[in-house]
């Protein structure tokens, strides 16, 4: 198998450089250089390791319609991992087609396999970035401080928290931050039904899903307010789904009111504005979303 054939094989399998490197027990940078054509004389041993990973029998081919998706149409960069799923009956000859997965399949996945189930489709989530965590934590902390100072039944919660949005066995999502005001919806395992308030912090791999598929799901399920955070642009897009108004766009320098509390709580993200600017300017900090590297 030539390097060009290996590159095509990587694309057909829908594997990332990181997944190949892990399976081959090699540094990600080495795999990127070899398959990217930046290593003119790669070691034969390194080539053999990559070939073994890309071989059908060694890794197991997963047809596109059975892969984890970033969107229902394009599943190329987030294939099911045979290592993590093979022992659970989701590989070779025992697939479930996208659109037909249920909570039984969702719970069969290992704990470190971060996915969401939406209308029977499994979506790969990947690990959150550091800006993603900083923003989610800042919002949660301020919501919690407001509840603790004012009292009431509403419960701010942050990821990881499962939300069985439609109360069926075909959808389980994991928002970044939620506010739940009906405590009877809270079970030990998950939130049953729509929270009152949801925040999603966009990443490069989940942007389309959060802005289209999940927004439609949240609106139809009865979420009252939905915030989409754009870290790179330092923007907060607020949808008042209860009143079906056009979205309002705030910057990180604005005090963003929480509509479900009639503006009694305003979230201040200004401490993160300068911090994120400084972080992005640090050498090697903004290396991109690894799942987007092809």
Protein backbone atom coordinates (compact mmCIF):
# COMPACT_ATOMS: atom_id res chain seq x y z
CA UNK A 1 0.00 0.00 0.00
CA UNK A 2 1.55 3.30 -1.13
CA UNK A 3 1.28 6.54 0.82
CA UNK A 4 -1.35 7.81 -1.63
CA UNK A 5 -3.31 4.60 -1.14
CA UNK A 6 -3.00 5.00 2.62
CA UNK A 7 -4.32 8.57 2.41
CA UNK A 8 -7.31 7.36 0.41
CA UNK A 9 -7.82 4.52 2.85
CA UNK A 10 -7.76 6.96 5.78
CA UNK A 11 -10.44 9.05 4.06
CA UNK A 12 -12.59 6.00 3.23
CA UNK A 13 -12.43 4.78 6.82
CA UNK A 14 -13.18 8.23 8.16
CA UNK A 15 -10.27 8.12 10.60
CA UNK A 16 -8.49 11.10 12.12
CA UNK A 17 -4.73 11.33 12.44
CA UNK A 18 -5.14 10.96 16.20
CA UNK A 19 -7.10 7.70 15.85
CA UNK A 20 -4.51 6.23 13.50
CA UNK A 21 -1.65 7.34 15.77
CA UNK A 22 -3.30 5.80 18.82
CA UNK A 23 -3.93 2.48 17.08
CA UNK A 24 -0.38 2.44 15.65
CA UNK A 25 1.22 3.57 18.93
CA UNK A 26 2.92 6.49 17.18
CA UNK A 27 3.07 10.28 17.72
CA UNK A 28 0.28 12.17 15.94
CA UNK A 29 2.86 14.47 14.34
CA UNK A 30 4.66 11.54 12.72
CA UNK A 31 1.44 10.23 11.16
CA UNK A 32 0.54 13.71 9.92
CA UNK A 33 3.95 14.18 8.30
CA UNK A 34 3.91 10.80 6.57
CA UNK A 35 0.35 10.93 5.24
CA UNK A 36 0.63 14.64 4.48
CA UNK A 37 3.70 14.09 2.28
CA UNK A 38 6.00 16.13 4.50
CA UNK A 39 8.30 13.23 5.34
CA UNK A 40 10.22 12.38 2.13
CA UNK A 41 11.92 9.27 3.55
CA UNK A 42 9.72 7.79 6.27
CA UNK A 43 10.98 4.75 8.13
CA UNK A 44 9.76 1.43 6.84
CA UNK A 45 8.71 0.42 10.36
CA UNK A 46 6.51 3.52 10.63
CA UNK A 47 4.91 2.83 7.25
CA UNK A 48 4.23 -0.77 8.28
CA UNK A 49 2.53 0.34 11.47
CA UNK A 50 0.22 2.69 9.60
CA UNK A 51 -0.52 0.05 6.95
CA UNK A 52 -1.53 -2.45 9.63
CA UNK A 53 -3.96 0.05 11.14
CA UNK A 54 -5.52 0.84 7.77
CA UNK A 55 -5.86 -2.81 6.78
CA UNK A 56 -9.43 -4.12 6.72
CA UNK A 57 -8.73 -7.09 8.95
CA UNK A 58 -6.65 -5.15 11.46
CA UNK A 59 -8.99 -2.23 11.99
CA UNK A 60 -12.34 -3.13 10.46
CA UNK A 61 -14.04 -1.04 7.80
CA UNK A 62 -17.08 0.92 8.93
CA UNK A 63 -19.45 1.96 6.12
CA UNK A 64 -20.35 5.68 6.17
CA UNK A 65 -23.99 5.09 7.04
CA UNK A 66 -22.97 3.40 10.30
CA UNK A 67 -20.43 5.97 11.50
CA UNK A 68 -20.76 8.57 14.20
CA UNK A 69 -21.78 11.81 12.49
CA UNK A 70 -20.95 15.46 12.86
CA UNK A 71 -23.90 16.03 10.54
CA UNK A 72 -26.34 13.43 9.15
CA UNK A 73 -24.89 13.99 5.68
CA UNK A 74 -21.13 14.07 6.31
CA UNK A 75 -19.76 11.35 8.55
CA UNK A 76 -16.23 11.25 7.19
CA UNK A 77 -14.09 12.37 10.11
CA UNK A 78 -15.75 10.63 13.05
CA UNK A 79 -15.98 6.90 12.37
CA UNK A 80 -17.01 4.45 15.04
CA UNK A 81 -13.96 3.17 16.88
CA UNK A 82 -13.69 -0.62 16.54
CA UNK A 83 -11.57 -0.77 19.70
CA UNK A 84 -14.32 0.80 21.79
CA UNK A 85 -17.38 -0.61 20.05
CA UNK A 86 -16.34 -4.01 18.71
CA UNK A 87 -17.08 -5.85 21.93
CA UNK A 88 -20.54 -4.29 22.11
CA UNK A 89 -21.98 -5.78 18.93
CA UNK A 90 -21.88 -2.57 16.88
CA UNK A 91 -19.30 -3.73 14.33
CA UNK A 92 -18.97 -6.08 11.35
CA UNK A 93 -22.26 -7.68 10.39
CA UNK A 94 -24.01 -6.35 13.49
CA UNK A 95 -24.44 -2.67 12.67
CA UNK A 96 -27.38 -0.43 13.41
CA UNK A 97 -27.98 2.10 10.66
CA UNK A 98 -27.81 5.80 11.53
CA UNK A 99 -31.33 6.95 12.33
CA UNK A 100 -32.15 3.65 14.07
CA UNK A 101 -30.00 3.87 17.20
CA UNK A 102 -31.71 3.89 20.59
CA UNK A 103 -30.79 4.56 24.20
CA UNK A 104 -29.75 0.91 24.50
CA UNK A 105 -26.98 1.60 21.96
CA UNK A 106 -26.15 4.90 23.66
CA UNK A 107 -25.68 3.24 27.06
CA UNK A 108 -23.65 0.42 25.50
CA UNK A 109 -20.90 2.86 24.58
CA UNK A 110 -17.91 3.23 26.93
CA UNK A 111 -17.95 6.16 29.33
CA UNK A 112 -15.11 7.93 27.53
CA UNK A 113 -16.91 7.84 24.17
CA UNK A 114 -18.65 11.25 24.17
CA UNK A 115 -21.66 11.16 21.87
CA UNK A 116 -25.16 12.57 21.56
CA UNK A 117 -28.18 10.69 20.26
CA UNK A 118 -30.59 12.81 18.22
CA UNK A 119 -33.55 11.19 16.45
CA UNK A 120 -31.74 7.86 16.27
CA UNK A 121 -28.48 9.33 14.94
CA UNK A 122 -25.27 9.12 16.98
CA UNK A 123 -23.14 12.27 16.84
CA UNK A 124 -19.51 12.40 17.90
CA UNK A 125 -18.79 15.18 20.39
CA UNK A 126 -15.05 14.98 20.97
CA UNK A 127 -13.32 16.62 23.92
CA UNK A 128 -14.15 20.27 24.73
CA UNK A 129 -11.42 22.87 24.23
CA UNK A 130 -10.03 24.98 27.06
CA UNK A 131 -11.88 28.18 25.91
CA UNK A 132 -15.05 26.08 25.74
CA UNK A 133 -14.61 24.99 29.36
CA UNK A 134 -13.72 28.49 30.57
CA UNK A 135 -16.85 29.99 29.02
CA UNK A 136 -19.20 27.26 30.22
CA UNK A 137 -17.76 27.44 33.73
CA UNK A 138 -18.08 31.23 33.88
CA UNK A 139 -21.74 31.15 32.86
CA UNK A 140 -22.59 28.33 35.26
CA UNK A 141 -20.84 30.04 38.17
CA UNK A 142 -22.81 33.25 37.70
CA UNK A 143 -26.13 31.45 37.30
CA UNK A 144 -25.44 29.43 40.44
CA UNK A 145 -24.46 32.55 42.41
CA UNK A 146 -27.73 34.20 41.40
CA UNK A 147 -29.82 31.22 42.52
CA UNK A 148 -27.95 30.95 45.81
CA UNK A 149 -28.50 34.65 46.54
CA UNK A 150 -32.14 34.80 45.46
CA UNK A 151 -33.41 31.32 46.27
CA UNK A 152 -36.07 29.53 44.25
CA UNK A 153 -36.44 26.10 42.71
CA UNK A 154 -34.36 26.58 39.56
CA UNK A 155 -31.20 24.48 39.31
CA UNK A 156 -28.26 25.57 37.11
CA UNK A 157 -26.28 22.55 35.91
CA UNK A 158 -23.34 22.09 33.57
CA UNK A 159 -21.96 19.38 31.32
CA UNK A 160 -21.67 16.46 31.55
CA UNK A 161 -25.40 16.06 32.15
CA UNK A 162 -27.66 13.87 30.02
CA UNK A 163 -30.96 15.36 28.85
CA UNK A 164 -33.59 12.94 27.55
CA UNK A 165 -35.09 15.80 25.59
CA UNK A 166 -38.15 14.16 24.00
CA UNK A 167 -38.72 11.62 26.82
CA UNK A 168 -38.26 8.82 24.28
CA UNK A 169 -35.50 6.31 23.51
CA UNK A 170 -34.19 8.06 20.36
CA UNK A 171 -32.72 11.32 21.72
CA UNK A 172 -30.22 12.08 24.48
CA UNK A 173 -28.30 15.36 24.35
CA UNK A 174 -25.61 16.89 26.54
CA UNK A 175 -25.84 20.71 26.65
CA UNK A 176 -22.97 22.75 28.08
CA UNK A 177 -25.11 24.59 30.65
CA UNK A 178 -28.79 24.30 31.57
CA UNK A 179 -31.28 25.76 34.01
CA UNK A 180 -33.97 23.37 35.21
CA UNK A 181 -36.87 24.92 37.14
CA UNK A 182 -39.12 21.86 37.43
CA UNK A 183 -37.24 19.60 39.81
CA UNK A 184 -39.59 16.68 39.13
CA UNK A 185 -37.79 16.32 35.76
CA UNK A 186 -34.52 15.50 37.50
CA UNK A 187 -33.60 11.83 37.93
CA UNK A 188 -30.37 10.27 39.11
CA UNK A 189 -29.55 9.33 35.52
CA UNK A 190 -30.61 12.42 33.55
CA UNK A 191 -32.96 15.34 33.06
CA UNK A 192 -36.23 14.00 31.69
CA UNK A 193 -37.66 16.45 29.18
CA UNK A 194 -36.71 19.97 28.16
CA UNK A 195 -34.80 22.27 30.55
CA UNK A 196 -35.96 25.89 30.72
CA UNK A 197 -32.64 27.36 29.57
CA UNK A 198 -29.80 25.91 27.49
CA UNK A 199 -26.32 27.16 26.57
CA UNK A 200 -24.16 25.62 23.84
CA UNK A 201 -20.58 26.82 23.33
CA UNK A 202 -19.68 26.33 19.67
CA UNK A 203 -16.66 24.33 18.58
CA UNK A 204 -15.37 23.80 15.07
CA UNK A 205 -16.68 20.25 14.95
CA UNK A 206 -20.16 20.87 16.44
CA UNK A 207 -21.01 24.33 15.04
CA UNK A 208 -23.52 23.19 12.41
CA UNK A 209 -25.23 20.75 14.74
CA UNK A 210 -25.61 23.30 17.56
CA UNK A 211 -26.86 26.07 15.27
CA UNK A 212 -29.39 24.03 13.29
CA UNK A 213 -30.29 20.52 14.43
CA UNK A 214 -30.09 21.12 18.17
CA UNK A 215 -31.74 24.53 18.02
CA UNK A 216 -34.72 23.01 16.21
CA UNK A 217 -34.85 20.17 18.73
CA UNK A 218 -34.70 22.52 21.70
CA UNK A 219 -37.43 24.75 20.26
CA UNK A 220 -39.80 21.86 19.50
CA UNK A 221 -39.15 20.21 22.88
CA UNK A 222 -40.11 23.35 24.82
CA UNK A 223 -36.82 24.95 25.86
CA UNK A 224 -37.69 28.55 26.70
CA UNK A 225 -34.32 30.22 26.10
CA UNK A 226 -31.27 29.15 24.07
CA UNK A 227 -27.84 30.78 24.05
CA UNK A 228 -25.22 30.04 21.41
CA UNK A 229 -21.72 31.19 22.35
CA UNK A 230 -19.15 31.90 19.63
CA UNK A 231 -15.76 31.90 21.40
CA UNK A 232 -13.67 33.09 18.44
CA UNK A 233 -15.93 36.08 17.78
CA UNK A 234 -16.70 36.71 21.48
CA UNK A 235 -20.44 36.74 20.77
CA UNK A 236 -23.53 35.50 22.57
CA UNK A 237 -26.55 34.82 20.37
CA UNK A 238 -29.72 34.70 22.49
CA UNK A 239 -32.92 33.04 21.26
CA UNK A 240 -36.08 33.70 23.25
CA UNK A 241 -37.87 30.56 22.10
CA UNK A 242 -40.79 31.19 24.41
CA UNK A 243 -41.75 34.40 22.57
CA UNK A 244 -40.35 33.30 19.19
CA UNK A 245 -38.52 36.59 18.78
CA UNK A 246 -35.60 37.26 16.45
CA UNK A 247 -32.24 36.49 18.14
CA UNK A 248 -30.36 39.20 20.01
CA UNK A 249 -26.57 39.30 19.62
CA UNK A 250 -24.36 40.45 22.50
CA UNK A 251 -20.61 40.85 22.79
CA UNK A 252 -18.55 39.58 25.72
CA UNK A 253 -18.43 43.21 26.91
CA UNK A 254 -22.20 43.32 27.37
CA UNK A 255 -24.25 42.29 30.38
CA UNK A 256 -26.39 39.50 28.93
CA UNK A 257 -29.82 39.23 30.61
CA UNK A 258 -31.40 35.87 31.37
CA UNK A 259 -34.89 36.20 29.90
CA UNK A 260 -36.52 33.34 31.84
CA UNK A 261 -35.69 35.35 34.98
CA UNK A 262 -36.96 38.60 33.40
CA UNK A 263 -33.43 40.02 33.31
CA UNK A 264 -32.97 39.81 37.10
CA UNK A 265 -29.71 37.96 36.39
CA UNK A 266 -27.20 39.34 33.90
CA UNK A 267 -24.20 37.26 32.84
CA UNK A 268 -20.91 39.12 32.57
CA UNK A 269 -18.34 37.50 30.25
CA UNK A 270 -16.05 40.52 30.09
CA UNK A 271 -13.39 38.87 32.33
CA UNK A 272 -12.95 36.27 29.59
CA UNK A 273 -12.66 38.77 26.73
CA UNK A 274 -9.12 39.88 27.48
CA UNK A 275 -8.15 36.46 28.84
CA UNK A 276 -9.10 34.66 25.62
CA UNK A 277 -7.37 37.32 23.54
CA UNK A 278 -4.17 36.77 25.52
CA UNK A 279 -4.48 32.98 25.31
CA UNK A 280 -5.02 32.95 21.54
CA UNK A 281 -1.86 35.02 21.13
CA UNK A 282 0.26 32.53 23.06
CA UNK A 283 2.54 30.46 20.77
CA UNK A 284 1.00 27.08 20.03
CA UNK A 285 -2.27 27.78 21.89
CA UNK A 286 -4.67 27.94 18.96
CA UNK A 287 -3.63 24.73 17.21
CA UNK A 288 -7.11 24.09 15.91
CA UNK A 289 -9.62 21.33 16.34
CA UNK A 290 -7.79 18.09 15.67
CA UNK A 291 -10.90 16.46 14.24
CA UNK A 292 -10.97 19.06 11.45
CA UNK A 293 -7.46 18.17 10.23
CA UNK A 294 -7.59 16.15 7.03
